[in-house]
Amino acid sequence: MILIFGGTTEGRLAVDVCEKAGNTYYYSTKGSMQDVAMHNGVRLTGVMTAADMKSFCKEHDVRCIVDAAHPFAEALHKAIADAGQPVVRLQRSFGPRIEGVTYCSDYSDAVERMSQTNIHCLLALSGANTISRLSGYWQHHRTLFRILNRAESIETALRSQFPTGNLIFYNDDCRLPSIEDEKALMQSVGCDAIITKESGASGGYDAKVQAALQLGLQVYVIEAPQPHPDAIVVTGRHGLRRAIEHLVPHFFPLHTGFTTGACATAATKAACLSLMYDEVPEEVAFTLPDDEVMTIPVAIEGKGVASVVKDSSDDPDVTKGCRITSTVRWNDCDEIRFLQGEGVGTVTLPGLGIEVGEPAINPTPRSMMRRELRSLTPRGVDVTISVAGGETLAKHTFNPKVGVVGGISIIGTSGIVSPLSHEAFVQSIRREMEVAKAIGCREIALVSGKRSEDYLLSKREVRCIHYGNAIGEALLAAHQLSIPEVTVGIMLGKAVKLAEGHLDTHSHRVTMNRDFLKSIAPDCSELIDRITLARELWQFMPPDFFDTIRHLCYQHCRTVYPDGKLTIELICDDKL
């Protein structure tokens, strides 16, 4: 079992991650105001002491506590640390220090600093629970406090004997104020300084600080308390899931892993660090394309050389367990160049988004490595990626058919390998649909991966569920659960397989059929013979060809999803 302490945006994220397991978990909040839809979770309300937690964990066989509470819920964080269970702290991202802001280690430090400054009117945006902690300042200086218009917050102010005439209330529309909203408030009250907490983006922190700085006000910020040193600190859904997989191995049916691109990125960062410093940690942090920070073990092989063993967990990938090595050397051209090492293939045909003759390191991994290198140095860097046994591994992939010769490709659009064991994966799709239905979603979007999800979300807000290659089984589940509206987001490579009638598009089972494509567009037979990948069809096929593909996809999807509204979104790479 898992026990989550939430009541925050991070709490919702933790629920979303744990729902995918299909197993029971507990979600605890101080009050009952947060509305969280759960299918597998059990809601708990009320304050729990460390002793309460110990007793609850023993009674319900809890093996892990997820601390997703507010960063400044210090009493709760301490109780969790004292409960005697492994703790995963789901930490907000606070961003870099902002120039012009005075950072204070705690409230006493803030009171001392502000008392030494000539402030005529302070606007406190730190919440009702900080009124008593800042009493050493407001008892002697004009201070306005903005708080929630709730009985609990007002009672807190009254208990602290704060003058009620100096209270300002948030609007009742439950919307976080924008920068312009904050500026308007600050101008209307005539303050010349503000104080707030380093509460992260979900607390409206940036809007408060930026508004004050744009008006030329003094800004004081209480630094977020540091997590307990024994907690496993994660910053997003992937890190949270991997931490739970480690601490409670059987909670998720299958475990996630890292892509070759993520492994190459971590190895490259470690190799560059070894060029710059004498000591490099055994784990390095790196950033995924969605800005979540992850850590991975690395091995330093020499000055400027580091490696990572690829952990694909339960995904049946031929590269699982292989060693990916990065060699970093300075160059004189002030650029980052990618060179081919042993076991990495060479691109010989167009259509992959990489120049012919270049090493088969895909655009997203290149972007991830550039980001990490530029965070360390502005110098020119040559990066050579190699994979032990890569040439042999490549024979068990489709690389030769797409024009990559001599080794494997360094790939990955998200940095994370999701486990795709068929039976468990189909069960996870159904569980996600059950959750969507339970929380009242009338429409779901079935997407093949991150790129199609990003495209659909750029158009509108919709609940996205990944089908991998199991289009037919995902649609069948939607039919069985009576989901009234389904949008299928599909890239052209899978679409041409689906259009031919293959409701499972896995490359191990079905490949692009040129004869089928010629039957749709006989006038383009010669051009079809020249292509390596289906996405090359976007370059020369007429619009009615894609209309036909979309129509055929629709017809085959209707065989397993006969009722409800069905939309097929054929997504072009150029739209991404």
Protein backbone atom coordinates (compact mmCIF):
# COMPACT_ATOMS: atom_id res chain seq x y z
CA MET A 1 0.00 0.00 0.00
CA ILE A 2 0.94 3.64 -0.52
CA LEU A 3 -0.12 6.65 1.56
CA ILE A 4 -0.13 10.06 -0.16
CA PHE A 5 -0.29 13.36 1.70
CA GLY A 6 -1.64 15.96 -0.72
CA GLY A 7 -4.11 18.80 -0.87
CA THR A 8 -1.96 20.44 -3.56
CA THR A 9 -1.34 20.40 -7.31
CA GLU A 10 1.39 17.87 -6.56
CA GLY A 11 -1.16 15.76 -4.71
CA ARG A 12 -3.33 15.60 -7.83
CA LEU A 13 -0.30 14.54 -9.86
CA ALA A 14 0.49 11.79 -7.35
CA VAL A 15 -3.09 10.53 -7.60
CA ASP A 16 -2.87 10.52 -11.40
CA VAL A 17 0.34 8.47 -11.28
CA CYS A 18 -0.97 5.95 -8.74
CA GLU A 19 -4.30 5.49 -10.51
CA LYS A 20 -2.42 3.91 -13.43
CA ALA A 21 -1.36 1.02 -11.18
CA GLY A 22 -4.91 -0.23 -10.66
CA ASN A 23 -4.14 -0.96 -6.99
CA THR A 24 -5.57 0.56 -3.83
CA TYR A 25 -3.79 3.53 -2.22
CA TYR A 26 -4.67 6.18 0.37
CA TYR A 27 -4.90 9.94 -0.17
CA SER A 28 -4.81 12.14 2.94
CA THR A 29 -5.62 15.84 3.24
CA LYS A 30 -6.10 18.08 6.26
CA GLY A 31 -9.58 19.18 5.14
CA SER A 32 -12.15 18.05 2.61
CA MET A 33 -12.17 21.10 0.32
CA GLN A 34 -9.92 19.69 -2.42
CA ASP A 35 -11.99 17.86 -5.02
CA VAL A 36 -9.97 14.89 -6.28
CA ALA A 37 -11.52 12.19 -8.46
CA MET A 38 -10.19 8.73 -7.64
CA HIS A 39 -11.15 5.29 -8.86
CA ASN A 40 -8.71 3.19 -6.82
CA GLY A 41 -7.84 5.63 -4.03
CA VAL A 42 -9.31 5.85 -0.52
CA ARG A 43 -9.79 9.40 0.77
CA LEU A 44 -8.68 10.31 4.30
CA THR A 45 -9.24 13.69 5.99
CA GLY A 46 -7.95 15.21 9.19
CA VAL A 47 -4.60 15.95 10.81
CA MET A 48 -2.33 12.93 11.36
CA THR A 49 0.53 12.98 13.85
CA ALA A 50 3.66 10.88 13.45
CA ALA A 51 2.15 8.36 15.90
CA ASP A 52 -1.10 8.28 13.87
CA MET A 53 0.91 7.62 10.72
CA LYS A 54 2.89 4.80 12.32
CA SER A 55 -0.29 3.13 13.52
CA PHE A 56 -2.06 3.58 10.17
CA CYS A 57 0.89 2.28 8.15
CA LYS A 58 1.18 -0.81 10.35
CA GLU A 59 -2.55 -1.55 10.21
CA HIS A 60 -2.83 -1.10 6.42
CA ASP A 61 0.56 -2.50 5.37
CA VAL A 62 1.75 0.83 3.96
CA ARG A 63 5.25 0.46 2.51
CA CYS A 64 5.81 4.00 1.22
CA ILE A 65 4.64 7.55 2.01
CA VAL A 66 4.43 10.08 -0.80
CA ASP A 67 4.84 13.58 0.62
CA ALA A 68 3.07 15.80 -1.91
CA ALA A 69 2.02 18.41 0.65
CA HIS A 70 2.66 22.15 0.41
CA PRO A 71 6.36 23.05 0.66
CA PHE A 72 5.70 25.12 3.78
CA ALA A 73 3.65 22.47 5.63
CA GLU A 74 6.64 22.04 7.92
CA ALA A 75 4.85 20.31 10.80
CA LEU A 76 3.43 17.73 8.42
CA HIS A 77 6.80 17.18 6.72
CA LYS A 78 8.38 16.56 10.12
CA ALA A 79 5.65 14.14 11.15
CA ILE A 80 6.08 12.23 7.89
CA ALA A 81 9.85 12.04 8.44
CA ASP A 82 9.26 10.72 11.99
CA ALA A 83 6.71 8.08 10.89
CA GLY A 84 9.41 5.51 10.17
CA GLN A 85 8.45 4.75 6.56
CA PRO A 86 10.39 5.28 3.30
CA VAL A 87 9.37 8.71 1.99
CA VAL A 88 9.17 10.05 -1.56
CA ARG A 89 9.01 13.85 -1.56
CA LEU A 90 7.25 15.20 -4.65
CA GLN A 91 8.94 18.59 -4.74
CA ARG A 92 7.84 21.64 -6.67
CA SER A 93 10.20 23.29 -9.10
CA PHE A 94 11.20 26.71 -7.82
CA GLY A 95 13.37 27.89 -10.67
CA PRO A 96 16.56 29.94 -10.41
CA ARG A 97 17.13 32.85 -8.03
CA ILE A 98 15.64 36.12 -9.28
CA GLU A 99 17.81 39.21 -9.39
CA GLY A 100 16.54 42.05 -7.23
CA VAL A 101 14.83 39.77 -4.68
CA THR A 102 15.90 39.59 -1.03
CA TYR A 103 15.80 35.95 0.05
CA CYS A 104 15.24 35.20 3.73
CA SER A 105 16.11 31.89 5.39
CA ASP A 106 13.06 32.01 7.69
CA TYR A 107 10.47 34.40 9.14
CA SER A 108 12.76 35.72 11.89
CA ASP A 109 15.35 36.56 9.26
CA ALA A 110 12.67 38.34 7.22
CA VAL A 111 11.48 40.38 10.21
CA GLU A 112 15.04 41.45 10.98
CA ARG A 113 15.82 42.42 7.37
CA MET A 114 12.58 44.34 6.82
CA SER A 115 12.88 46.16 10.16
CA GLN A 116 16.23 47.56 9.01
CA THR A 117 14.71 48.97 5.81
CA ASN A 118 12.57 52.08 5.39
CA ILE A 119 9.30 50.44 4.28
CA HIS A 120 6.20 52.66 4.43
CA CYS A 121 3.66 49.93 3.66
CA LEU A 122 4.25 46.19 3.39
CA LEU A 123 1.86 43.92 1.48
CA ALA A 124 2.14 40.39 2.85
CA LEU A 125 1.20 37.72 0.31
CA SER A 126 2.42 34.80 2.40
CA GLY A 127 -0.92 33.45 3.68
CA ALA A 128 -2.93 33.58 6.88
CA ASN A 129 -0.78 30.99 8.64
CA THR A 130 2.21 33.35 8.51
CA ILE A 131 0.49 36.24 10.31
CA SER A 132 1.69 35.16 13.76
CA ARG A 133 5.17 34.36 12.46
CA LEU A 134 5.55 37.91 11.10
CA SER A 135 4.05 39.60 14.17
CA GLY A 136 7.46 40.98 15.14
CA TYR A 137 7.17 43.20 12.08
CA TRP A 138 3.49 44.14 11.67
CA GLN A 139 3.06 45.06 15.33
CA HIS A 140 5.40 48.01 14.69
CA HIS A 141 5.02 48.76 10.95
CA ARG A 142 2.07 49.29 8.62
CA THR A 143 1.28 45.91 7.05
CA LEU A 144 -1.57 44.62 4.89
CA PHE A 145 -2.25 40.86 4.64
CA ARG A 146 -4.05 39.21 1.73
CA ILE A 147 -5.76 35.99 2.78
CA LEU A 148 -8.46 33.61 1.55
CA ASN A 149 -12.01 34.69 2.32
CA ARG A 150 -12.65 31.64 4.47
CA ALA A 151 -13.73 31.35 8.11
CA GLU A 152 -10.60 29.37 8.96
CA SER A 153 -8.27 32.07 7.56
CA ILE A 154 -10.17 34.90 9.23
CA GLU A 155 -10.12 33.06 12.57
CA THR A 156 -6.35 32.65 12.23
CA ALA A 157 -5.99 36.42 11.79
CA LEU A 158 -8.25 37.12 14.78
CA ARG A 159 -6.32 34.72 17.02
CA SER A 160 -3.13 36.59 16.13
CA GLN A 161 -4.88 39.89 16.97
CA PHE A 162 -4.08 41.24 13.52
CA PRO A 163 -6.16 44.37 12.75
CA THR A 164 -9.05 43.18 10.55
CA GLY A 165 -9.12 46.52 8.74
CA ASN A 166 -5.75 45.64 7.23
CA LEU A 167 -6.99 42.36 5.73
CA ILE A 168 -7.43 42.00 1.96
CA PHE A 169 -9.23 39.02 0.47
CA TYR A 170 -8.66 37.03 -2.69
CA ASN A 171 -11.44 37.14 -5.26
CA ASP A 172 -13.91 34.26 -4.99
CA ASP A 173 -13.43 33.03 -8.58
CA CYS A 174 -10.72 30.48 -7.50
CA ARG A 175 -8.41 31.82 -10.20
CA LEU A 176 -4.77 32.55 -9.46
CA PRO A 177 -4.14 36.27 -10.04
CA SER A 178 -2.15 37.20 -13.13
CA ILE A 179 0.77 39.61 -13.15
CA GLU A 180 -1.59 42.40 -14.17
CA ASP A 181 -4.02 41.47 -11.37
CA GLU A 182 -1.18 41.61 -8.84
CA LYS A 183 0.08 44.94 -10.17
CA ALA A 184 -3.39 46.42 -9.90
CA LEU A 185 -3.66 45.30 -6.26
CA MET A 186 -0.22 46.63 -5.33
CA GLN A 187 -0.94 50.00 -6.93
CA SER A 188 -4.37 50.26 -5.31
CA VAL A 189 -3.05 49.71 -1.76
CA GLY A 190 0.04 51.89 -2.28
CA CYS A 191 2.56 49.42 -0.89
CA ASP A 192 6.27 49.88 -1.48
CA ALA A 193 7.31 46.32 -0.51
CA ILE A 194 5.89 42.81 -0.57
CA ILE A 195 6.74 39.58 1.19
CA THR A 196 5.80 36.14 -0.08
CA LYS A 197 6.87 32.52 0.17
CA GLU A 198 8.90 30.61 -2.37
CA SER A 199 5.86 28.50 -3.17
CA GLY A 200 6.52 27.61 -6.82
CA ALA A 201 4.48 28.11 -9.97
CA SER A 202 1.33 26.40 -8.66
CA GLY A 203 1.14 28.97 -5.84
CA GLY A 204 1.24 32.00 -8.15
CA TYR A 205 4.71 32.87 -6.90
CA ASP A 206 6.09 34.17 -10.21
CA ALA A 207 3.15 36.52 -10.79
CA LYS A 208 3.58 38.11 -7.35
CA VAL A 209 7.31 38.61 -7.67
CA GLN A 210 7.32 39.80 -11.28
CA ALA A 211 4.48 42.26 -10.63
CA ALA A 212 6.35 43.80 -7.70
CA LEU A 213 9.64 44.02 -9.58
CA GLN A 214 7.96 45.66 -12.57
CA LEU A 215 6.56 48.31 -10.21
CA GLY A 216 9.95 48.84 -8.59
CA LEU A 217 8.89 47.55 -5.18
CA GLN A 218 11.12 45.84 -2.63
CA VAL A 219 10.59 42.08 -2.68
CA TYR A 220 11.23 39.71 0.25
CA VAL A 221 10.91 35.97 -0.22
CA ILE A 222 10.90 33.27 2.45
CA GLU A 223 12.96 30.38 1.09
CA ALA A 224 11.23 27.02 0.81
CA PRO A 225 12.31 24.59 3.55
CA GLN A 226 14.69 21.86 2.39
CA PRO A 227 13.35 18.28 2.15
CA HIS A 228 14.38 15.82 4.85
CA PRO A 229 17.77 14.34 3.89
CA ASP A 230 16.45 10.76 4.06
CA ALA A 231 13.60 11.40 1.59
CA ILE A 232 13.81 10.44 -2.07
CA VAL A 233 13.22 13.78 -3.80
CA VAL A 234 11.47 13.78 -7.21
CA THR A 235 10.10 16.64 -9.29
CA GLY A 236 7.48 15.04 -11.54
CA ARG A 237 5.42 12.05 -12.55
CA HIS A 238 8.24 9.96 -14.05
CA GLY A 239 10.49 10.32 -11.03
CA LEU A 240 7.59 9.59 -8.69
CA ARG A 241 6.65 6.42 -10.54
CA ARG A 242 10.23 5.15 -10.65
CA ALA A 243 10.65 5.84 -6.91
CA ILE A 244 7.46 3.90 -6.13
CA GLU A 245 8.58 1.08 -8.44
CA HIS A 246 11.79 0.88 -6.40
CA LEU A 247 10.21 1.04 -2.95
CA VAL A 248 7.02 -0.97 -3.63
CA PRO A 249 7.99 -3.23 -6.56
CA HIS A 250 4.60 -4.92 -6.98
CA PHE A 251 2.44 -1.78 -6.89
CA PHE A 252 2.75 -1.23 -10.66
CA PRO A 253 2.35 -4.37 -12.82
CA LEU A 254 5.24 -3.24 -15.06
CA HIS A 255 8.20 -0.91 -14.52
CA THR A 256 9.45 2.01 -16.60
CA GLY A 257 12.97 2.67 -17.88
CA PHE A 258 15.12 5.21 -19.72
CA THR A 259 15.50 5.58 -23.48
CA THR A 260 18.86 5.33 -25.21
CA GLY A 261 18.65 9.09 -25.66
CA ALA A 262 18.26 9.69 -21.92
CA CYS A 263 21.16 7.35 -21.16
CA ALA A 264 23.37 9.10 -23.72
CA THR A 265 22.43 12.47 -22.22
CA ALA A 266 23.37 11.43 -18.69
CA ALA A 267 26.63 9.86 -19.91
CA THR A 268 27.46 13.02 -21.87
CA LYS A 269 26.85 15.30 -18.89
CA ALA A 270 28.99 13.06 -16.67
CA ALA A 271 31.77 12.95 -19.28
CA CYS A 272 31.79 16.75 -19.54
CA LEU A 273 31.85 17.09 -15.74
CA SER A 274 34.85 14.75 -15.62
CA LEU A 275 36.67 17.08 -18.03
CA MET A 276 35.94 20.07 -15.84
CA TYR A 277 36.34 18.67 -12.32
CA ASP A 278 38.38 16.08 -10.48
CA GLU A 279 35.38 14.40 -8.87
CA VAL A 280 32.02 13.46 -10.42
CA PRO A 281 29.07 12.06 -8.42
CA GLU A 282 27.96 8.47 -8.96
CA GLU A 283 24.58 9.78 -10.15
CA VAL A 284 23.96 12.80 -12.36
CA ALA A 285 20.81 14.85 -12.79
CA PHE A 286 19.51 15.67 -16.25
CA THR A 287 16.35 17.22 -17.66
CA LEU A 288 13.71 15.42 -19.72
CA PRO A 289 12.06 17.19 -22.66
CA ASP A 290 9.07 18.02 -20.42
CA ASP A 291 11.46 19.78 -17.97
CA GLU A 292 11.27 17.13 -15.26
CA VAL A 293 14.65 16.51 -13.62
CA MET A 294 15.76 12.88 -13.28
CA THR A 295 18.87 11.18 -11.92
CA ILE A 296 20.67 8.13 -13.25
CA PRO A 297 23.78 6.17 -12.14
CA VAL A 298 26.92 6.81 -14.23
CA ALA A 299 30.38 5.29 -14.44
CA ILE A 300 33.45 7.43 -15.19
CA GLU A 301 35.67 5.52 -17.62
CA GLY A 302 38.39 8.16 -17.88
CA LYS A 303 38.90 11.89 -18.35
CA GLY A 304 36.01 12.97 -20.56
CA VAL A 305 34.55 9.46 -20.85
CA ALA A 306 31.47 8.16 -19.01
CA SER A 307 28.92 5.41 -19.50
CA VAL A 308 25.41 4.40 -18.47
CA VAL A 309 23.88 0.93 -18.49
CA LYS A 310 20.45 1.17 -20.11
CA ASP A 311 17.61 0.16 -17.85
CA SER A 312 14.50 -0.57 -19.91
CA SER A 313 12.88 -2.34 -16.95
CA ASP A 314 9.96 -4.45 -18.17
CA ASP A 315 9.97 -3.27 -21.78
CA PRO A 316 11.17 -6.05 -24.14
CA ASP A 317 13.78 -3.85 -25.85
CA VAL A 318 16.87 -5.32 -27.55
CA THR A 319 18.98 -2.52 -26.02
CA LYS A 320 18.05 -3.44 -22.43
CA GLY A 321 21.21 -3.78 -20.35
CA CYS A 322 23.57 -2.41 -23.03
CA ARG A 323 26.30 0.07 -22.07
CA ILE A 324 26.06 3.51 -23.71
CA THR A 325 29.30 5.49 -23.58
CA SER A 326 29.91 9.16 -24.28
CA THR A 327 33.35 10.62 -25.00
CA VAL A 328 33.56 14.41 -24.74
CA ARG A 329 36.38 16.53 -26.11
CA TRP A 330 36.77 20.30 -26.47
CA ASN A 331 36.82 21.74 -29.99
CA ASP A 332 37.81 25.15 -31.37
CA CYS A 333 34.64 25.92 -33.34
CA ASP A 334 32.43 26.88 -30.37
CA GLU A 335 29.79 24.39 -31.52
CA ILE A 336 28.44 21.12 -30.19
CA ARG A 337 29.10 18.39 -32.73
CA PHE A 338 27.91 14.78 -32.61
CA LEU A 339 30.30 12.12 -33.84
CA GLN A 340 29.79 8.44 -34.52
CA GLY A 341 31.20 5.89 -32.13
CA GLU A 342 31.29 2.12 -32.31
CA GLY A 343 27.86 0.52 -32.33
CA VAL A 344 25.95 3.65 -33.39
CA GLY A 345 24.52 3.55 -36.90
CA THR A 346 24.97 5.95 -39.81
CA VAL A 347 22.00 7.51 -41.60
CA THR A 348 22.07 6.60 -45.32
CA LEU A 349 18.56 7.61 -46.44
CA PRO A 350 16.47 10.79 -46.02
CA GLY A 351 13.29 10.95 -43.98
CA LEU A 352 14.59 10.45 -40.46
CA GLY A 353 15.03 14.13 -39.66
CA ILE A 354 18.82 13.70 -39.63
CA GLU A 355 21.22 14.57 -42.44
CA VAL A 356 22.47 11.64 -44.52
CA GLY A 357 25.95 10.65 -43.31
CA GLU A 358 25.31 11.79 -39.75
CA PRO A 359 25.37 9.39 -36.77
CA ALA A 360 21.90 8.04 -35.98
CA ILE A 361 21.34 10.22 -32.94
CA ASN A 362 17.78 11.51 -33.18
CA PRO A 363 16.82 15.20 -32.81
CA THR A 364 15.34 14.95 -29.29
CA PRO A 365 18.41 13.26 -27.71
CA ARG A 366 20.63 15.81 -29.48
CA SER A 367 18.54 18.61 -28.00
CA MET A 368 18.73 17.05 -24.51
CA MET A 369 22.54 16.74 -24.71
CA ARG A 370 22.95 20.30 -25.98
CA ARG A 371 20.84 21.56 -23.08
CA GLU A 372 22.97 19.79 -20.46
CA LEU A 373 26.27 20.80 -22.07
CA ARG A 374 25.25 24.44 -22.37
CA SER A 375 24.28 24.42 -18.69
CA LEU A 376 27.92 23.54 -17.96
CA THR A 377 30.00 25.40 -20.53
CA PRO A 378 29.84 27.79 -23.51
CA ARG A 379 32.83 26.05 -25.14
CA GLY A 380 32.77 23.97 -28.29
CA VAL A 381 32.30 20.27 -27.60
CA ASP A 382 32.65 17.11 -29.69
CA VAL A 383 30.40 14.30 -28.42
CA THR A 384 31.04 10.73 -29.52
CA ILE A 385 28.36 8.21 -28.55
CA SER A 386 29.15 4.50 -28.71
CA VAL A 387 27.18 1.39 -27.77
CA ALA A 388 28.85 -1.86 -26.83
CA GLY A 389 27.64 -4.55 -29.25
CA GLY A 390 25.45 -2.05 -31.08
CA GLU A 391 26.15 -3.42 -34.56
CA THR A 392 24.94 -6.88 -33.51
CA LEU A 393 21.91 -5.46 -31.69
CA ALA A 394 20.93 -3.49 -34.79
CA LYS A 395 20.33 -6.71 -36.71
CA HIS A 396 17.34 -7.34 -34.44
CA THR A 397 15.80 -3.93 -35.18
CA PHE A 398 14.28 -2.27 -38.23
CA ASN A 399 17.28 0.02 -38.67
CA PRO A 400 18.50 -1.63 -41.91
CA LYS A 401 15.06 -1.17 -43.48
CA VAL A 402 15.02 2.58 -42.76
CA GLY A 403 18.55 3.23 -43.96
CA VAL A 404 20.50 3.16 -40.68
CA VAL A 405 23.55 0.93 -41.06
CA GLY A 406 26.35 -0.19 -38.79
CA GLY A 407 24.62 0.08 -35.43
CA ILE A 408 21.61 1.16 -33.41
CA SER A 409 19.90 4.54 -33.22
CA ILE A 410 19.96 6.80 -30.15
CA ILE A 411 16.27 7.57 -29.81
CA GLY A 412 13.46 8.69 -27.52
CA THR A 413 11.03 11.62 -27.58
CA SER A 414 10.19 11.63 -23.85
CA GLY A 415 13.34 10.12 -22.30
CA ILE A 416 11.21 7.47 -20.61
CA VAL A 417 10.51 3.92 -21.80
CA SER A 418 6.96 2.92 -20.90
CA PRO A 419 6.46 -0.81 -20.41
CA LEU A 420 4.48 -2.24 -23.30
CA SER A 421 4.01 -5.89 -22.35
CA HIS A 422 0.78 -6.43 -24.25
CA GLU A 423 -1.61 -7.87 -21.68
CA ALA A 424 -0.58 -5.55 -18.86
CA PHE A 425 -0.52 -2.56 -21.19
CA VAL A 426 -4.06 -3.20 -22.44
CA GLN A 427 -5.20 -3.55 -18.82
CA SER A 428 -3.60 -0.19 -18.01
CA ILE A 429 -5.46 1.42 -20.94
CA ARG A 430 -8.74 0.12 -19.58
CA ARG A 431 -7.92 1.34 -16.07
CA GLU A 432 -7.21 4.83 -17.38
CA MET A 433 -10.55 4.81 -19.21
CA GLU A 434 -12.33 3.71 -16.05
CA VAL A 435 -10.78 6.65 -14.21
CA ALA A 436 -11.75 9.04 -17.02
CA LYS A 437 -15.33 7.80 -16.90
CA ALA A 438 -15.43 7.98 -13.10
CA ILE A 439 -14.43 11.66 -13.12
CA GLY A 440 -17.05 12.51 -15.74
CA CYS A 441 -15.03 12.75 -18.96
CA ARG A 442 -17.35 12.45 -21.97
CA GLU A 443 -14.49 12.51 -24.47
CA ILE A 444 -11.12 10.80 -24.45
CA ALA A 445 -8.28 11.10 -26.93
CA LEU A 446 -6.44 7.92 -27.80
CA VAL A 447 -2.89 8.85 -28.80
CA SER A 448 0.03 6.80 -30.06
CA GLY A 449 2.68 8.69 -28.09
CA LYS A 450 3.92 12.00 -26.76
CA ARG A 451 4.05 13.79 -30.11
CA SER A 452 0.41 13.09 -30.98
CA GLU A 453 -0.60 13.95 -27.40
CA ASP A 454 1.22 17.29 -27.55
CA TYR A 455 -0.48 18.12 -30.85
CA LEU A 456 -4.00 17.40 -29.60
CA LEU A 457 -3.42 19.24 -26.32
CA SER A 458 -2.20 22.27 -28.28
CA LYS A 459 -5.66 22.45 -29.87
CA ARG A 460 -7.86 21.85 -26.81
CA GLU A 461 -8.00 20.41 -23.31
CA VAL A 462 -8.80 16.70 -23.51
CA ARG A 463 -8.02 13.57 -21.48
CA CYS A 464 -5.31 11.68 -23.40
CA ILE A 465 -4.67 7.94 -23.07
CA HIS A 466 -1.75 6.26 -24.85
CA TYR A 467 -2.63 3.20 -26.94
CA GLY A 468 0.93 2.37 -28.06
CA ASN A 469 0.08 -0.01 -30.88
CA ALA A 470 -3.10 -1.52 -29.40
CA ILE A 471 -5.57 0.67 -31.27
CA GLY A 472 -8.22 -2.01 -31.61
CA GLU A 473 -8.16 -3.08 -27.97
CA ALA A 474 -8.19 0.52 -26.77
CA LEU A 475 -11.27 1.28 -28.89
CA LEU A 476 -12.94 -1.94 -27.77
CA ALA A 477 -12.44 -0.91 -24.15
CA ALA A 478 -13.95 2.51 -24.94
CA HIS A 479 -16.98 0.77 -26.47
CA GLN A 480 -17.39 -1.63 -23.54
CA LEU A 481 -17.19 1.26 -21.08
CA SER A 482 -19.67 3.32 -23.14
CA ILE A 483 -17.31 6.28 -23.62
CA PRO A 484 -19.52 8.59 -25.74
CA GLU A 485 -16.79 10.35 -27.75
CA VAL A 486 -13.34 9.22 -28.87
CA THR A 487 -10.67 11.04 -30.87
CA VAL A 488 -7.84 8.93 -32.27
CA GLY A 489 -4.61 10.88 -32.78
CA ILE A 490 -2.38 8.94 -35.12
CA MET A 491 0.87 9.53 -36.98
CA LEU A 492 1.11 8.50 -40.62
CA GLY A 493 3.35 5.46 -40.01
CA LYS A 494 0.69 3.78 -37.87
CA ALA A 495 -2.16 5.19 -39.96
CA VAL A 496 -1.13 3.39 -43.18
CA LYS A 497 -1.10 0.10 -41.23
CA LEU A 498 -4.47 0.82 -39.63
CA ALA A 499 -5.91 1.85 -43.00
CA GLU A 500 -5.07 -1.61 -44.32
CA GLY A 501 -7.00 -3.16 -41.45
CA HIS A 502 -4.32 -3.85 -38.84
CA LEU A 503 -5.74 -2.86 -35.45
CA ASP A 504 -2.42 -3.77 -33.81
CA THR A 505 0.30 -1.71 -35.50
CA HIS A 506 3.38 -3.11 -33.74
CA SER A 507 6.33 -3.25 -36.14
CA HIS A 508 7.06 -6.82 -35.08
CA ARG A 509 3.68 -7.85 -36.45
CA VAL A 510 3.10 -5.65 -39.48
CA THR A 511 5.17 -3.33 -41.67
CA MET A 512 4.27 -0.69 -44.21
CA ASN A 513 2.78 -2.39 -47.30
CA ARG A 514 3.78 -0.57 -50.49
CA ASP A 515 1.39 -2.65 -52.58
CA PHE A 516 -1.49 -1.49 -50.42
CA LEU A 517 -0.40 2.14 -50.83
CA LYS A 518 -0.17 1.68 -54.61
CA SER A 519 -3.70 0.31 -54.67
CA ILE A 520 -4.88 3.58 -53.11
CA ALA A 521 -2.74 5.82 -55.33
CA PRO A 522 -1.75 3.86 -58.50
CA ASP A 523 -0.54 7.03 -60.22
CA CYS A 524 2.15 7.44 -57.55
CA SER A 525 3.56 3.89 -57.69
CA GLU A 526 7.08 4.92 -58.66
CA LEU A 527 7.28 7.49 -55.88
CA ILE A 528 5.96 4.99 -53.33
CA ASP A 529 8.71 2.53 -54.33
CA ARG A 530 11.35 5.13 -53.38
CA ILE A 531 10.22 5.87 -49.82
CA THR A 532 11.85 4.43 -46.73
CA LEU A 533 9.40 5.67 -44.11
CA ALA A 534 5.68 6.39 -44.34
CA ARG A 535 6.13 9.99 -43.21
CA GLU A 536 7.93 10.73 -46.49
CA LEU A 537 4.49 10.43 -48.14
CA TRP A 538 3.68 13.90 -46.76
CA GLN A 539 6.21 15.37 -49.18
CA PHE A 540 4.59 14.37 -52.47
CA MET A 541 1.19 12.70 -52.09
CA PRO A 542 -1.94 14.70 -52.97
CA PRO A 543 -4.45 15.72 -50.27
CA ASP A 544 -7.08 13.20 -51.37
CA PHE A 545 -4.61 10.37 -50.58
CA PHE A 546 -4.58 11.40 -46.91
CA ASP A 547 -8.36 11.78 -46.94
CA THR A 548 -8.56 8.16 -48.11
CA ILE A 549 -6.16 6.99 -45.39
CA ARG A 550 -8.20 8.83 -42.76
CA HIS A 551 -11.47 7.38 -44.11
CA LEU A 552 -10.13 3.81 -44.12
CA CYS A 553 -8.83 4.24 -40.58
CA TYR A 554 -12.28 5.45 -39.54
CA GLN A 555 -13.97 2.41 -41.12
CA HIS A 556 -11.70 -0.10 -39.39
CA CYS A 557 -12.01 1.67 -36.03
CA ARG A 558 -15.79 1.50 -36.34
CA THR A 559 -15.63 -2.31 -36.29
CA VAL A 560 -14.64 -2.22 -32.60
CA TYR A 561 -16.15 1.14 -31.63
CA PRO A 562 -19.52 1.05 -33.42
CA ASP A 563 -21.34 3.63 -31.29
CA GLY A 564 -20.52 7.11 -30.13
CA LYS A 565 -18.77 9.97 -31.86
CA LEU A 566 -15.45 8.98 -33.49
CA THR A 567 -12.86 11.38 -34.93
CA ILE A 568 -9.60 10.44 -36.63
CA GLU A 569 -6.85 13.07 -36.36
CA LEU A 570 -4.11 12.27 -38.88
CA ILE A 571 -1.10 14.16 -37.55
CA CYS A 572 1.67 15.43 -39.81
CA ASP A 573 5.23 15.68 -38.44
CA ASP A 574 5.34 19.28 -39.69
CA LYS A 575 2.63 20.20 -37.18
CA LEU A 576 4.81 19.19 -34.23
